[in-house]
Amino acid sequence: MFPSRGVRLVAERISMQKQEPKRVLAVLNDLFFSVKLADAAKRAGLDLEFVKDASQVLEKAQRKPAFIVLDLNFEAVGPLSLIAALKADAATKGVSLIAYVSHVQGELKQQAHEAGCDMVLARSAFSQSMPQIFKRHSGA
């Protein structure tokens, strides 16, 4: 017995929704690091969107990205305030925040954790772990 046209269309829509790539927000202003992020996202099958304004991050986070990558040295967005705002909003508090910082900035790393950041890594460790992090969040 063949499924009705309506059932078939619903099944096709569900299938199409599952194939839509997850999105990652990247909040940084480093061109060279942007290329690394874009490559890791592409390999993991994730869409990557660069955002350079705190209000845009807050707005785009409402759409539940897979996670947000944040450069803690990108002072233009006020990273610690941004983390606190994302974690204070019921609609965005469940979005994973992964931040990176220079390995010598231990105090900033601690402040980011206290503000609610889910994971804070030294930039070099994040760079090395990037493929695994992206793959884990892709659901693959």
Protein backbone atom coordinates (compact mmCIF):
# COMPACT_ATOMS: atom_id res chain seq x y z
CA MET A 1 0.00 0.00 0.00
CA PHE A 2 1.35 3.44 -0.95
CA PRO A 3 1.26 6.37 1.48
CA SER A 4 -1.09 9.20 0.62
CA ARG A 5 0.30 12.31 -1.04
CA GLY A 6 -0.15 14.36 2.16
CA VAL A 7 1.80 11.88 4.28
CA ARG A 8 4.54 11.73 1.67
CA LEU A 9 4.86 15.55 1.58
CA VAL A 10 5.10 15.75 5.37
CA ALA A 11 7.78 13.03 5.37
CA GLU A 12 9.73 14.94 2.69
CA ARG A 13 9.55 18.18 4.72
CA ILE A 14 10.80 16.43 7.84
CA SER A 15 13.63 14.88 5.83
CA MET A 16 14.56 18.28 4.38
CA GLN A 17 14.55 19.87 7.84
CA LYS A 18 16.94 17.25 9.16
CA GLN A 19 19.36 17.90 6.29
CA GLU A 20 19.55 21.64 6.96
CA PRO A 21 23.00 22.33 8.43
CA LYS A 22 23.29 23.60 11.96
CA ARG A 23 24.60 27.10 12.42
CA VAL A 24 27.51 28.40 14.48
CA LEU A 25 27.98 32.04 15.46
CA ALA A 26 31.58 33.26 15.51
CA VAL A 27 32.30 36.45 17.41
CA LEU A 28 35.82 37.56 16.52
CA ASN A 29 37.71 39.99 14.32
CA ASP A 30 40.84 38.00 13.44
CA LEU A 31 40.91 37.32 9.69
CA PHE A 32 43.44 34.46 9.88
CA PHE A 33 41.56 32.68 12.65
CA SER A 34 38.30 33.23 10.73
CA VAL A 35 39.69 31.13 7.89
CA LYS A 36 40.51 28.26 10.29
CA LEU A 37 37.02 28.41 11.78
CA ALA A 38 35.39 28.45 8.35
CA ASP A 39 37.39 25.40 7.28
CA ALA A 40 36.52 23.45 10.46
CA ALA A 41 32.83 24.34 10.11
CA LYS A 42 32.75 23.30 6.46
CA ARG A 43 34.41 19.96 7.23
CA ALA A 44 31.85 19.32 10.00
CA GLY A 45 28.91 20.29 7.78
CA LEU A 46 28.04 23.37 9.82
CA ASP A 47 27.09 26.84 8.61
CA LEU A 48 29.29 29.54 10.12
CA GLU A 49 28.13 33.11 10.57
CA PHE A 50 30.50 35.86 11.68
CA VAL A 51 29.03 38.51 13.97
CA LYS A 52 30.90 41.62 15.11
CA ASP A 53 28.28 43.41 17.18
CA ALA A 54 26.97 42.39 20.63
CA SER A 55 23.36 43.30 19.85
CA GLN A 56 23.45 41.15 16.70
CA VAL A 57 24.88 38.24 18.70
CA LEU A 58 22.02 38.53 21.20
CA GLU A 59 19.48 38.68 18.37
CA LYS A 60 20.94 35.81 16.33
CA ALA A 61 21.38 33.62 19.42
CA GLN A 62 17.58 33.61 19.77
CA ARG A 63 17.54 31.24 16.75
CA LYS A 64 19.44 28.59 18.75
CA PRO A 65 22.77 28.10 16.98
CA ALA A 66 24.66 24.85 17.65
CA PHE A 67 27.14 26.96 19.65
CA ILE A 68 28.83 30.34 19.78
CA VAL A 69 32.60 30.85 19.46
CA LEU A 70 33.83 33.96 21.23
CA ASP A 71 37.24 35.63 21.26
CA LEU A 72 37.59 37.01 24.80
CA ASN A 73 40.01 39.64 23.49
CA PHE A 74 37.44 41.08 21.06
CA GLU A 75 36.78 44.08 23.28
CA ALA A 76 34.38 45.78 20.85
CA VAL A 77 31.61 43.31 21.85
CA GLY A 78 32.30 43.43 25.60
CA PRO A 79 32.80 39.67 25.87
CA LEU A 80 32.18 39.26 29.61
CA SER A 81 28.99 41.33 29.49
CA LEU A 82 27.89 39.45 26.37
CA ILE A 83 28.37 36.08 28.09
CA ALA A 84 26.38 37.26 31.10
CA ALA A 85 23.58 38.60 28.89
CA LEU A 86 23.35 35.37 26.89
CA LYS A 87 23.22 33.24 30.04
CA ALA A 88 20.68 35.55 31.73
CA ASP A 89 18.17 35.29 28.87
CA ALA A 90 15.91 32.24 29.13
CA ALA A 91 15.84 31.90 25.33
CA THR A 92 19.64 31.74 24.96
CA LYS A 93 20.98 30.34 28.22
CA GLY A 94 21.07 26.82 26.77
CA VAL A 95 23.27 27.79 23.83
CA SER A 96 26.83 26.53 24.32
CA LEU A 97 29.44 29.26 24.58
CA ILE A 98 33.00 28.33 23.70
CA ALA A 99 35.55 31.07 24.24
CA TYR A 100 39.26 31.29 23.70
CA VAL A 101 41.95 33.52 25.11
CA SER A 102 45.72 33.83 25.23
CA HIS A 103 47.25 31.19 27.51
CA VAL A 104 48.73 33.91 29.74
CA GLN A 105 45.34 35.48 30.53
CA GLY A 106 44.29 33.20 33.39
CA GLU A 107 42.31 35.91 35.16
CA LEU A 108 40.21 36.65 32.06
CA LYS A 109 39.62 32.92 31.62
CA GLN A 110 38.33 32.70 35.21
CA GLN A 111 36.10 35.77 34.73
CA ALA A 112 34.57 34.19 31.61
CA HIS A 113 33.77 31.00 33.55
CA GLU A 114 32.21 33.06 36.34
CA ALA A 115 30.10 34.97 33.78
CA GLY A 116 28.70 31.64 32.57
CA CYS A 117 30.88 30.59 29.63
CA ASP A 118 30.60 26.84 29.10
CA MET A 119 34.16 26.26 27.89
CA VAL A 120 37.19 28.54 27.89
CA LEU A 121 40.35 27.36 26.18
CA ALA A 122 43.73 28.81 25.41
CA ARG A 123 43.72 29.93 21.80
CA SER A 124 46.29 27.27 20.86
CA ALA A 125 44.26 24.49 22.52
CA PHE A 126 41.08 25.70 20.84
CA SER A 127 42.83 25.78 17.47
CA GLN A 128 44.07 22.22 17.97
CA SER A 129 40.68 20.94 19.21
CA MET A 130 38.58 22.86 16.70
CA PRO A 131 37.85 19.93 14.35
CA GLN A 132 36.65 17.73 17.21
CA ILE A 133 34.57 20.52 18.78
CA PHE A 134 32.84 21.31 15.50
CA LYS A 135 32.23 17.64 14.72
CA ARG A 136 30.74 17.01 18.19
CA HIS A 137 28.29 19.90 17.76
CA SER A 138 27.35 18.89 14.21
CA GLY A 139 25.61 15.78 15.45
CA ALA A 140 27.62 13.64 13.02
